Amino acid sequence: MSYFGLTLLIILASLVVYSASFVTYHVSRSDSLEVNQKRAIYLLAWLIPLVGPAITVAALGNDFARQKKKHAIPLLSYIFLAGVFAPTQDSNDESGNGSSNDTTGGSDGDF
């Protein structure tokens, strides 16, 4: 039973480091933030454990999703779970040509 407290502490510490490093990684790759904004976000993420990264991800969630994909080691995308935490786009494209399930047919001659 004495190992339960130690295991819980290790899991909590790992979660704190993971969430702060997740925010640090994505903010450092962001082109839309200024240097002073990045510094403030780094301080928020590392000095206020779990709450700071949660606030940052909630506030900059769309910015995380819109980042350009840079060539990097594919393992990093799995480690930081970018696809899981970033909000998804709607089924419509930005150009307005979304995919639709039109069952009435069209003028292109398809059956």
C-alpha atoms as a PDB file:
ATOM      1  CA  MET A   1       0.000   0.000   0.000  1.00  0.00           C
ATOM      2  CA  SER A   2       2.894   2.389   0.531  1.00  0.00           C
ATOM      3  CA  TYR A   3       3.753   2.191  -3.158  1.00  0.00           C
ATOM      4  CA  PHE A   4       0.307   3.481  -4.137  1.00  0.00           C
ATOM      5  CA  GLY A   5       1.099   7.037  -2.994  1.00  0.00           C
ATOM      6  CA  LEU A   6       4.432   6.997  -4.806  1.00  0.00           C
ATOM      7  CA  THR A   7       2.822   5.657  -7.990  1.00  0.00           C
ATOM      8  CA  LEU A   8       0.108   8.301  -7.829  1.00  0.00           C
ATOM      9  CA  LEU A   9       2.726  11.021  -7.354  1.00  0.00           C
ATOM     10  CA  ILE A  10       4.726   9.771 -10.347  1.00  0.00           C
ATOM     11  CA  ILE A  11       1.600   9.695 -12.532  1.00  0.00           C
ATOM     12  CA  LEU A  12       0.637  13.220 -11.470  1.00  0.00           C
ATOM     13  CA  ALA A  13       4.163  14.539 -12.086  1.00  0.00           C
ATOM     14  CA  SER A  14       4.219  12.875 -15.509  1.00  0.00           C
ATOM     15  CA  LEU A  15       0.881  14.470 -16.388  1.00  0.00           C
ATOM     16  CA  VAL A  16       2.129  17.908 -15.325  1.00  0.00           C
ATOM     17  CA  VAL A  17       5.319  17.611 -17.380  1.00  0.00           C
ATOM     18  CA  TYR A  18       3.457  16.174 -20.386  1.00  0.00           C
ATOM     19  CA  SER A  19       0.818  18.905 -20.486  1.00  0.00           C
ATOM     20  CA  ALA A  20       3.350  21.721 -20.056  1.00  0.00           C
ATOM     21  CA  SER A  21       5.640  20.268 -22.723  1.00  0.00           C
ATOM     22  CA  PHE A  22       2.665  19.803 -25.077  1.00  0.00           C
ATOM     23  CA  VAL A  23       1.814  23.507 -24.806  1.00  0.00           C
ATOM     24  CA  THR A  24       5.475  24.553 -25.046  1.00  0.00           C
ATOM     25  CA  TYR A  25       6.004  22.509 -28.199  1.00  0.00           C
ATOM     26  CA  HIS A  26       2.945  23.849 -30.021  1.00  0.00           C
ATOM     27  CA  VAL A  27       3.405  27.458 -28.935  1.00  0.00           C
ATOM     28  CA  SER A  28       7.041  27.418 -30.044  1.00  0.00           C
ATOM     29  CA  ARG A  29       5.930  26.300 -33.531  1.00  0.00           C
ATOM     30  CA  SER A  30       3.219  28.948 -33.786  1.00  0.00           C
ATOM     31  CA  ASP A  31       3.895  31.766 -36.230  1.00  0.00           C
ATOM     32  CA  SER A  32       0.932  33.881 -35.148  1.00  0.00           C
ATOM     33  CA  LEU A  33       2.243  34.700 -31.656  1.00  0.00           C
ATOM     34  CA  GLU A  34       4.802  37.350 -30.760  1.00  0.00           C
ATOM     35  CA  VAL A  35       7.857  36.607 -28.651  1.00  0.00           C
ATOM     36  CA  ASN A  36       6.427  38.257 -25.514  1.00  0.00           C
ATOM     37  CA  GLN A  37       3.174  36.317 -25.888  1.00  0.00           C
ATOM     38  CA  LYS A  38       5.107  33.069 -26.182  1.00  0.00           C
ATOM     39  CA  ARG A  39       7.110  33.866 -23.038  1.00  0.00           C
ATOM     40  CA  ALA A  40       3.925  34.599 -21.095  1.00  0.00           C
ATOM     41  CA  ILE A  41       2.371  31.336 -22.257  1.00  0.00           C
ATOM     42  CA  TYR A  42       5.505  29.391 -21.295  1.00  0.00           C
ATOM     43  CA  LEU A  43       5.401  30.881 -17.803  1.00  0.00           C
ATOM     44  CA  LEU A  44       1.679  30.153 -17.483  1.00  0.00           C
ATOM     45  CA  ALA A  45       2.113  26.560 -18.619  1.00  0.00           C
ATOM     46  CA  TRP A  46       5.068  25.735 -16.388  1.00  0.00           C
ATOM     47  CA  LEU A  47       4.309  27.760 -13.240  1.00  0.00           C
ATOM     48  CA  ILE A  48       0.620  26.845 -12.896  1.00  0.00           C
ATOM     49  CA  PRO A  49       0.513  23.058 -13.294  1.00  0.00           C
ATOM     50  CA  LEU A  50      -2.400  21.486 -15.208  1.00  0.00           C
ATOM     51  CA  VAL A  51      -4.538  24.649 -15.063  1.00  0.00           C
ATOM     52  CA  GLY A  52      -2.135  26.791 -17.121  1.00  0.00           C
ATOM     53  CA  PRO A  53      -1.868  24.303 -20.001  1.00  0.00           C
ATOM     54  CA  ALA A  54      -5.627  23.705 -19.940  1.00  0.00           C
ATOM     55  CA  ILE A  55      -6.319  27.443 -20.241  1.00  0.00           C
ATOM     56  CA  THR A  56      -3.764  27.766 -23.039  1.00  0.00           C
ATOM     57  CA  VAL A  57      -5.153  24.850 -25.052  1.00  0.00           C
ATOM     58  CA  ALA A  58      -8.682  26.186 -24.638  1.00  0.00           C
ATOM     59  CA  ALA A  59      -7.674  29.689 -25.719  1.00  0.00           C
ATOM     60  CA  LEU A  60      -5.366  28.711 -28.578  1.00  0.00           C
ATOM     61  CA  GLY A  61      -7.066  25.496 -29.692  1.00  0.00           C
ATOM     62  CA  ASN A  62      -7.893  26.846 -33.159  1.00  0.00           C
ATOM     63  CA  ASP A  63      -4.337  28.117 -33.565  1.00  0.00           C
ATOM     64  CA  PHE A  64      -3.013  24.628 -32.777  1.00  0.00           C
ATOM     65  CA  ALA A  65      -5.285  23.141 -35.442  1.00  0.00           C
ATOM     66  CA  ARG A  66      -4.309  25.685 -38.124  1.00  0.00           C
ATOM     67  CA  GLN A  67      -0.558  25.282 -37.814  1.00  0.00           C
ATOM     68  CA  LYS A  68       1.239  24.368 -40.979  1.00  0.00           C
ATOM     69  CA  LYS A  69       2.600  20.876 -40.959  1.00  0.00           C
ATOM     70  CA  LYS A  70       6.367  21.114 -40.862  1.00  0.00           C
ATOM     71  CA  HIS A  71       8.567  18.198 -41.722  1.00  0.00           C
ATOM     72  CA  ALA A  72       9.568  16.602 -38.465  1.00  0.00           C
ATOM     73  CA  ILE A  73      10.069  13.266 -36.860  1.00  0.00           C
ATOM     74  CA  PRO A  74       6.727  11.420 -37.054  1.00  0.00           C
ATOM     75  CA  LEU A  75       7.231  10.107 -33.529  1.00  0.00           C
ATOM     76  CA  LEU A  76       6.758  13.599 -32.082  1.00  0.00           C
ATOM     77  CA  SER A  77       3.218  13.834 -33.431  1.00  0.00           C
ATOM     78  CA  TYR A  78       2.386  10.596 -31.642  1.00  0.00           C
ATOM     79  CA  ILE A  79       4.056  11.705 -28.424  1.00  0.00           C
ATOM     80  CA  PHE A  80       2.245  15.030 -28.245  1.00  0.00           C
ATOM     81  CA  LEU A  81      -1.075  13.659 -29.552  1.00  0.00           C
ATOM     82  CA  ALA A  82      -1.674  16.718 -31.688  1.00  0.00           C
ATOM     83  CA  GLY A  83      -4.599  15.153 -33.507  1.00  0.00           C
ATOM     84  CA  VAL A  84      -6.403  14.232 -30.319  1.00  0.00           C
ATOM     85  CA  PHE A  85      -6.233  17.581 -28.533  1.00  0.00           C
ATOM     86  CA  ALA A  86      -6.623  19.890 -31.522  1.00  0.00           C
ATOM     87  CA  PRO A  87     -10.224  20.692 -32.442  1.00  0.00           C
ATOM     88  CA  THR A  88     -11.459  19.224 -35.706  1.00  0.00           C
ATOM     89  CA  GLN A  89     -12.786  21.210 -38.621  1.00  0.00           C
ATOM     90  CA  ASP A  90     -16.424  20.960 -39.709  1.00  0.00           C
ATOM     91  CA  SER A  91     -17.290  18.750 -42.656  1.00  0.00           C
ATOM     92  CA  ASN A  92     -17.382  21.847 -44.901  1.00  0.00           C
ATOM     93  CA  ASP A  93     -14.170  23.103 -46.393  1.00  0.00           C
ATOM     94  CA  GLU A  94     -13.170  26.727 -45.995  1.00  0.00           C
ATOM     95  CA  SER A  95     -13.932  27.279 -49.663  1.00  0.00           C
ATOM     96  CA  GLY A  96     -17.567  26.301 -49.078  1.00  0.00           C
ATOM     97  CA  ASN A  97     -17.395  23.143 -51.151  1.00  0.00           C
ATOM     98  CA  GLY A  98     -18.208  20.661 -48.419  1.00  0.00           C
ATOM     99  CA  SER A  99     -19.032  17.072 -49.022  1.00  0.00           C
ATOM    100  CA  SER A 100     -22.756  16.455 -49.079  1.00  0.00           C
ATOM    101  CA  ASN A 101     -24.851  13.343 -49.257  1.00  0.00           C
ATOM    102  CA  ASP A 102     -27.221  14.367 -52.017  1.00  0.00           C
ATOM    103  CA  THR A 103     -29.433  11.422 -52.877  1.00  0.00           C
ATOM    104  CA  THR A 104     -31.662  13.262 -55.350  1.00  0.00           C
ATOM    105  CA  GLY A 105     -29.186  13.010 -58.175  1.00  0.00           C
ATOM    106  CA  GLY A 106     -27.563  15.701 -60.171  1.00  0.00           C
ATOM    107  CA  SER A 107     -27.150  17.091 -63.615  1.00  0.00           C
ATOM    108  CA  ASP A 108     -23.879  15.275 -64.251  1.00  0.00           C
ATOM    109  CA  GLY A 109     -25.583  12.099 -65.473  1.00  0.00           C
ATOM    110  CA  ASP A 110     -24.613   9.771 -62.600  1.00  0.00           C
ATOM    111  CA  PHE A 111     -27.163   7.252 -61.493  1.00  0.00           C
END
